[in-house]
Amino acid sequence: MCRNIKTLFNFDPPATEDEIQAASLQFVRKLSGFNKPSKENEAAFHRAVEEVAAVARNLLDELVTKAGPRNREVEMERARARSAKRFGAEDRT
């Protein structure tokens, strides 16, 4: 669906409000088709982002797992490796 939305569950440290807000914004952008809404749609767009963020926070707070928390650095390295395999090795450092 939305490749820019990252998994936020089961990380140590837990997802931040900024991460949840960014994922919510991406989700509403995808659903609405707007990167930036018109003035007429701005209030509804921002309200939707806030509501999605609240629901996402509730979901993350209620989910349970027996698996240990994931490490952000390890997951980022895995994502880089997948990207290099998919698009070709490119040094971005």
N, C-alpha and C. Protein backbone atom coordinates (compact mmCIF):
# COMPACT_ATOMS: atom_id res chain seq x y z
N MET A 1 0.83 -1.19 0.00
CA MET A 1 0.00 0.00 0.00
C MET A 1 0.87 1.24 0.00
N CYS A 2 1.16 1.81 1.14
CA CYS A 2 1.97 3.03 1.23
C CYS A 2 3.38 2.64 1.65
N ARG A 3 4.30 2.67 0.73
CA ARG A 3 5.66 2.25 1.06
C ARG A 3 6.34 3.18 2.06
N ASN A 4 5.91 4.42 2.13
CA ASN A 4 6.55 5.38 3.04
C ASN A 4 6.09 5.22 4.49
N ILE A 5 5.05 4.47 4.72
CA ILE A 5 4.58 4.26 6.08
C ILE A 5 5.36 3.10 6.67
N LYS A 6 6.07 3.37 7.75
CA LYS A 6 6.91 2.38 8.39
C LYS A 6 6.14 1.63 9.48
N THR A 7 6.56 0.39 9.73
CA THR A 7 6.01 -0.36 10.85
C THR A 7 6.41 0.35 12.14
N LEU A 8 5.46 0.54 13.04
CA LEU A 8 5.72 1.27 14.28
C LEU A 8 5.59 0.40 15.52
N PHE A 9 5.09 -0.80 15.37
CA PHE A 9 4.84 -1.66 16.53
C PHE A 9 6.07 -2.47 16.92
N ASN A 10 6.25 -2.64 18.20
CA ASN A 10 7.25 -3.52 18.81
C ASN A 10 8.68 -3.07 18.58
N PHE A 11 8.93 -1.80 18.78
CA PHE A 11 10.29 -1.28 18.73
C PHE A 11 10.71 -0.79 20.11
N ASP A 12 11.99 -0.85 20.34
CA ASP A 12 12.55 -0.30 21.58
C ASP A 12 13.58 0.74 21.18
N PRO A 13 13.35 2.00 21.46
CA PRO A 13 12.21 2.60 22.17
C PRO A 13 10.95 2.61 21.31
N PRO A 14 9.79 2.71 21.95
CA PRO A 14 8.52 2.71 21.21
C PRO A 14 8.43 3.87 20.22
N ALA A 15 7.49 3.76 19.31
CA ALA A 15 7.26 4.81 18.31
C ALA A 15 6.96 6.13 19.01
N THR A 16 7.48 7.20 18.44
CA THR A 16 7.25 8.53 18.98
C THR A 16 5.96 9.12 18.40
N GLU A 17 5.48 10.16 19.02
CA GLU A 17 4.30 10.86 18.49
C GLU A 17 4.58 11.40 17.10
N ASP A 18 5.81 11.87 16.86
CA ASP A 18 6.17 12.39 15.54
C ASP A 18 6.09 11.29 14.48
N GLU A 19 6.54 10.09 14.81
CA GLU A 19 6.47 8.97 13.86
C GLU A 19 5.02 8.59 13.57
N ILE A 20 4.20 8.58 14.59
CA ILE A 20 2.79 8.26 14.41
C ILE A 20 2.11 9.34 13.58
N GLN A 21 2.43 10.59 13.85
CA GLN A 21 1.86 11.71 13.09
C GLN A 21 2.28 11.64 11.62
N ALA A 22 3.55 11.33 11.36
CA ALA A 22 4.04 11.24 9.98
C ALA A 22 3.36 10.10 9.23
N ALA A 23 3.20 8.95 9.88
CA ALA A 23 2.51 7.82 9.24
C ALA A 23 1.05 8.17 8.97
N SER A 24 0.41 8.87 9.89
CA SER A 24 -0.98 9.27 9.72
C SER A 24 -1.13 10.24 8.57
N LEU A 25 -0.21 11.18 8.47
CA LEU A 25 -0.22 12.13 7.36
C LEU A 25 -0.08 11.41 6.03
N GLN A 26 0.86 10.47 5.94
CA GLN A 26 1.05 9.71 4.70
C GLN A 26 -0.21 8.93 4.34
N PHE A 27 -0.84 8.33 5.34
CA PHE A 27 -2.05 7.56 5.11
C PHE A 27 -3.17 8.43 4.57
N VAL A 28 -3.39 9.58 5.18
CA VAL A 28 -4.46 10.49 4.73
C VAL A 28 -4.12 11.05 3.34
N ARG A 29 -2.86 11.34 3.08
CA ARG A 29 -2.46 11.78 1.74
C ARG A 29 -2.80 10.72 0.70
N LYS A 30 -2.51 9.47 1.02
CA LYS A 30 -2.77 8.37 0.10
C LYS A 30 -4.27 8.23 -0.14
N LEU A 31 -5.06 8.24 0.93
CA LEU A 31 -6.51 8.08 0.78
C LEU A 31 -7.13 9.22 0.01
N SER A 32 -6.71 10.44 0.31
CA SER A 32 -7.34 11.61 -0.29
C SER A 32 -6.81 11.93 -1.68
N GLY A 33 -5.58 11.52 -1.95
CA GLY A 33 -4.95 11.89 -3.21
C GLY A 33 -4.35 13.28 -3.18
N PHE A 34 -4.38 13.93 -2.03
CA PHE A 34 -3.84 15.27 -1.88
C PHE A 34 -2.50 15.22 -1.17
N ASN A 35 -1.50 15.87 -1.73
CA ASN A 35 -0.26 16.08 -1.00
C ASN A 35 -0.46 17.25 -0.06
N LYS A 36 -1.12 18.28 -0.58
CA LYS A 36 -1.50 19.44 0.21
C LYS A 36 -2.92 19.79 -0.20
N PRO A 37 -3.85 19.78 0.74
CA PRO A 37 -5.25 20.02 0.38
C PRO A 37 -5.51 21.49 0.04
N SER A 38 -6.58 21.71 -0.70
CA SER A 38 -7.01 23.08 -0.98
C SER A 38 -7.53 23.70 0.31
N LYS A 39 -7.71 25.01 0.29
CA LYS A 39 -8.24 25.71 1.47
C LYS A 39 -9.59 25.14 1.90
N GLU A 40 -10.42 24.79 0.91
CA GLU A 40 -11.74 24.24 1.22
C GLU A 40 -11.65 22.90 1.95
N ASN A 41 -10.62 22.11 1.64
CA ASN A 41 -10.48 20.77 2.21
C ASN A 41 -9.50 20.71 3.38
N GLU A 42 -8.85 21.81 3.68
CA GLU A 42 -7.78 21.82 4.68
C GLU A 42 -8.25 21.36 6.07
N ALA A 43 -9.37 21.86 6.53
CA ALA A 43 -9.85 21.50 7.88
C ALA A 43 -10.16 20.01 7.96
N ALA A 44 -10.86 19.48 6.97
CA ALA A 44 -11.20 18.06 6.97
C ALA A 44 -9.94 17.20 6.88
N PHE A 45 -8.98 17.63 6.08
CA PHE A 45 -7.72 16.90 5.91
C PHE A 45 -6.96 16.82 7.23
N HIS A 46 -6.80 17.96 7.89
CA HIS A 46 -6.05 17.99 9.15
C HIS A 46 -6.79 17.26 10.28
N ARG A 47 -8.10 17.36 10.27
CA ARG A 47 -8.89 16.63 11.26
C ARG A 47 -8.71 15.12 11.05
N ALA A 48 -8.70 14.68 9.80
CA ALA A 48 -8.50 13.26 9.50
C ALA A 48 -7.13 12.79 9.96
N VAL A 49 -6.10 13.60 9.75
CA VAL A 49 -4.75 13.24 10.20
C VAL A 49 -4.75 13.07 11.71
N GLU A 50 -5.37 13.97 12.44
CA GLU A 50 -5.40 13.89 13.90
C GLU A 50 -6.18 12.66 14.37
N GLU A 51 -7.30 12.38 13.71
CA GLU A 51 -8.10 11.22 14.10
C GLU A 51 -7.38 9.91 13.81
N VAL A 52 -6.72 9.83 12.67
CA VAL A 52 -5.95 8.63 12.33
C VAL A 52 -4.81 8.45 13.32
N ALA A 53 -4.14 9.54 13.69
CA ALA A 53 -3.04 9.45 14.65
C ALA A 53 -3.54 8.95 16.01
N ALA A 54 -4.70 9.41 16.44
CA ALA A 54 -5.26 8.96 17.72
C ALA A 54 -5.59 7.47 17.68
N VAL A 55 -6.20 7.03 16.60
CA VAL A 55 -6.53 5.61 16.46
C VAL A 55 -5.25 4.77 16.39
N ALA A 56 -4.25 5.26 15.67
CA ALA A 56 -2.98 4.54 15.56
C ALA A 56 -2.31 4.41 16.93
N ARG A 57 -2.33 5.47 17.72
CA ARG A 57 -1.75 5.42 19.05
C ARG A 57 -2.49 4.40 19.92
N ASN A 58 -3.81 4.40 19.86
CA ASN A 58 -4.60 3.42 20.62
C ASN A 58 -4.25 2.00 20.19
N LEU A 59 -4.14 1.78 18.89
CA LEU A 59 -3.79 0.46 18.38
C LEU A 59 -2.43 0.02 18.90
N LEU A 60 -1.43 0.87 18.77
CA LEU A 60 -0.09 0.53 19.22
C LEU A 60 -0.05 0.26 20.72
N ASP A 61 -0.84 1.00 21.48
CA ASP A 61 -0.89 0.81 22.93
C ASP A 61 -1.55 -0.51 23.33
N GLU A 62 -2.48 -1.00 22.49
CA GLU A 62 -3.23 -2.21 22.84
C GLU A 62 -2.65 -3.49 22.27
N LEU A 63 -1.83 -3.41 21.24
CA LEU A 63 -1.27 -4.62 20.65
C LEU A 63 -0.31 -5.30 21.63
N VAL A 64 -0.28 -6.62 21.59
CA VAL A 64 0.63 -7.40 22.42
C VAL A 64 1.38 -8.40 21.54
N THR A 65 2.56 -8.78 21.98
CA THR A 65 3.35 -9.78 21.28
C THR A 65 4.26 -10.50 22.27
N LYS A 66 4.60 -11.71 21.92
CA LYS A 66 5.55 -12.46 22.73
C LYS A 66 6.96 -12.29 22.18
N ALA A 67 7.07 -11.72 21.00
CA ALA A 67 8.38 -11.50 20.37
C ALA A 67 9.09 -10.35 21.09
N GLY A 68 10.39 -10.43 21.12
CA GLY A 68 11.17 -9.33 21.70
C GLY A 68 11.10 -8.11 20.81
N PRO A 69 11.36 -6.93 21.39
CA PRO A 69 11.30 -5.71 20.60
C PRO A 69 12.37 -5.69 19.51
N ARG A 70 12.03 -5.06 18.40
CA ARG A 70 12.96 -4.93 17.28
C ARG A 70 13.89 -3.75 17.51
N ASN A 71 15.06 -3.86 16.90
CA ASN A 71 16.08 -2.82 16.99
C ASN A 71 15.99 -1.95 15.74
N ARG A 72 15.85 -0.65 15.91
CA ARG A 72 15.69 0.26 14.78
C ARG A 72 16.87 0.23 13.82
N GLU A 73 18.09 0.16 14.36
CA GLU A 73 19.28 0.17 13.50
C GLU A 73 19.34 -1.10 12.64
N VAL A 74 19.02 -2.24 13.25
CA VAL A 74 19.02 -3.50 12.51
C VAL A 74 17.96 -3.45 11.41
N GLU A 75 16.79 -2.95 11.73
CA GLU A 75 15.72 -2.86 10.73
C GLU A 75 16.08 -1.90 9.60
N MET A 76 16.75 -0.80 9.93
CA MET A 76 17.17 0.14 8.88
C MET A 76 18.21 -0.50 7.96
N GLU A 77 19.11 -1.28 8.53
CA GLU A 77 20.12 -1.97 7.72
C GLU A 77 19.47 -3.01 6.81
N ARG A 78 18.48 -3.71 7.32
CA ARG A 78 17.75 -4.67 6.49
C ARG A 78 17.03 -3.97 5.34
N ALA A 79 16.45 -2.82 5.63
CA ALA A 79 15.76 -2.05 4.59
C ALA A 79 16.75 -1.58 3.53
N ARG A 80 17.93 -1.14 3.96
CA ARG A 80 18.96 -0.72 2.99
C ARG A 80 19.37 -1.89 2.11
N ALA A 81 19.53 -3.07 2.71
CA ALA A 81 19.93 -4.25 1.95
C ALA A 81 18.85 -4.63 0.94
N ARG A 82 17.58 -4.57 1.35
CA ARG A 82 16.49 -4.86 0.42
C ARG A 82 16.47 -3.85 -0.72
N SER A 83 16.69 -2.59 -0.40
CA SER A 83 16.71 -1.54 -1.41
C SER A 83 17.86 -1.73 -2.39
N ALA A 84 19.03 -2.06 -1.86
CA ALA A 84 20.20 -2.29 -2.72
C ALA A 84 19.95 -3.47 -3.65
N LYS A 85 19.33 -4.52 -3.14
CA LYS A 85 19.03 -5.70 -3.95
C LYS A 85 18.00 -5.35 -5.03
N ARG A 86 17.01 -4.55 -4.65
CA ARG A 86 15.94 -4.21 -5.59
C ARG A 86 16.38 -3.20 -6.65
N PHE A 87 17.10 -2.16 -6.21
CA PHE A 87 17.43 -1.06 -7.12
C PHE A 87 18.89 -1.03 -7.53
N GLY A 88 19.70 -1.96 -7.03
CA GLY A 88 21.12 -1.95 -7.33
C GLY A 88 21.89 -1.26 -6.22
N ALA A 89 23.08 -1.76 -5.97
CA ALA A 89 23.91 -1.22 -4.89
C ALA A 89 24.31 0.21 -5.22
N GLU A 90 24.08 1.09 -4.26
CA GLU A 90 24.46 2.49 -4.40
C GLU A 90 24.89 2.99 -3.04
N ASP A 91 26.09 3.48 -2.93
CA ASP A 91 26.59 3.97 -1.64
C ASP A 91 26.02 5.36 -1.39
N ARG A 92 25.25 5.51 -0.32
CA ARG A 92 24.60 6.79 -0.02
C ARG A 92 25.20 7.45 1.22
N THR A 93 26.40 7.07 1.59
CA THR A 93 27.00 7.68 2.79
C THR A 93 27.79 8.89 2.47
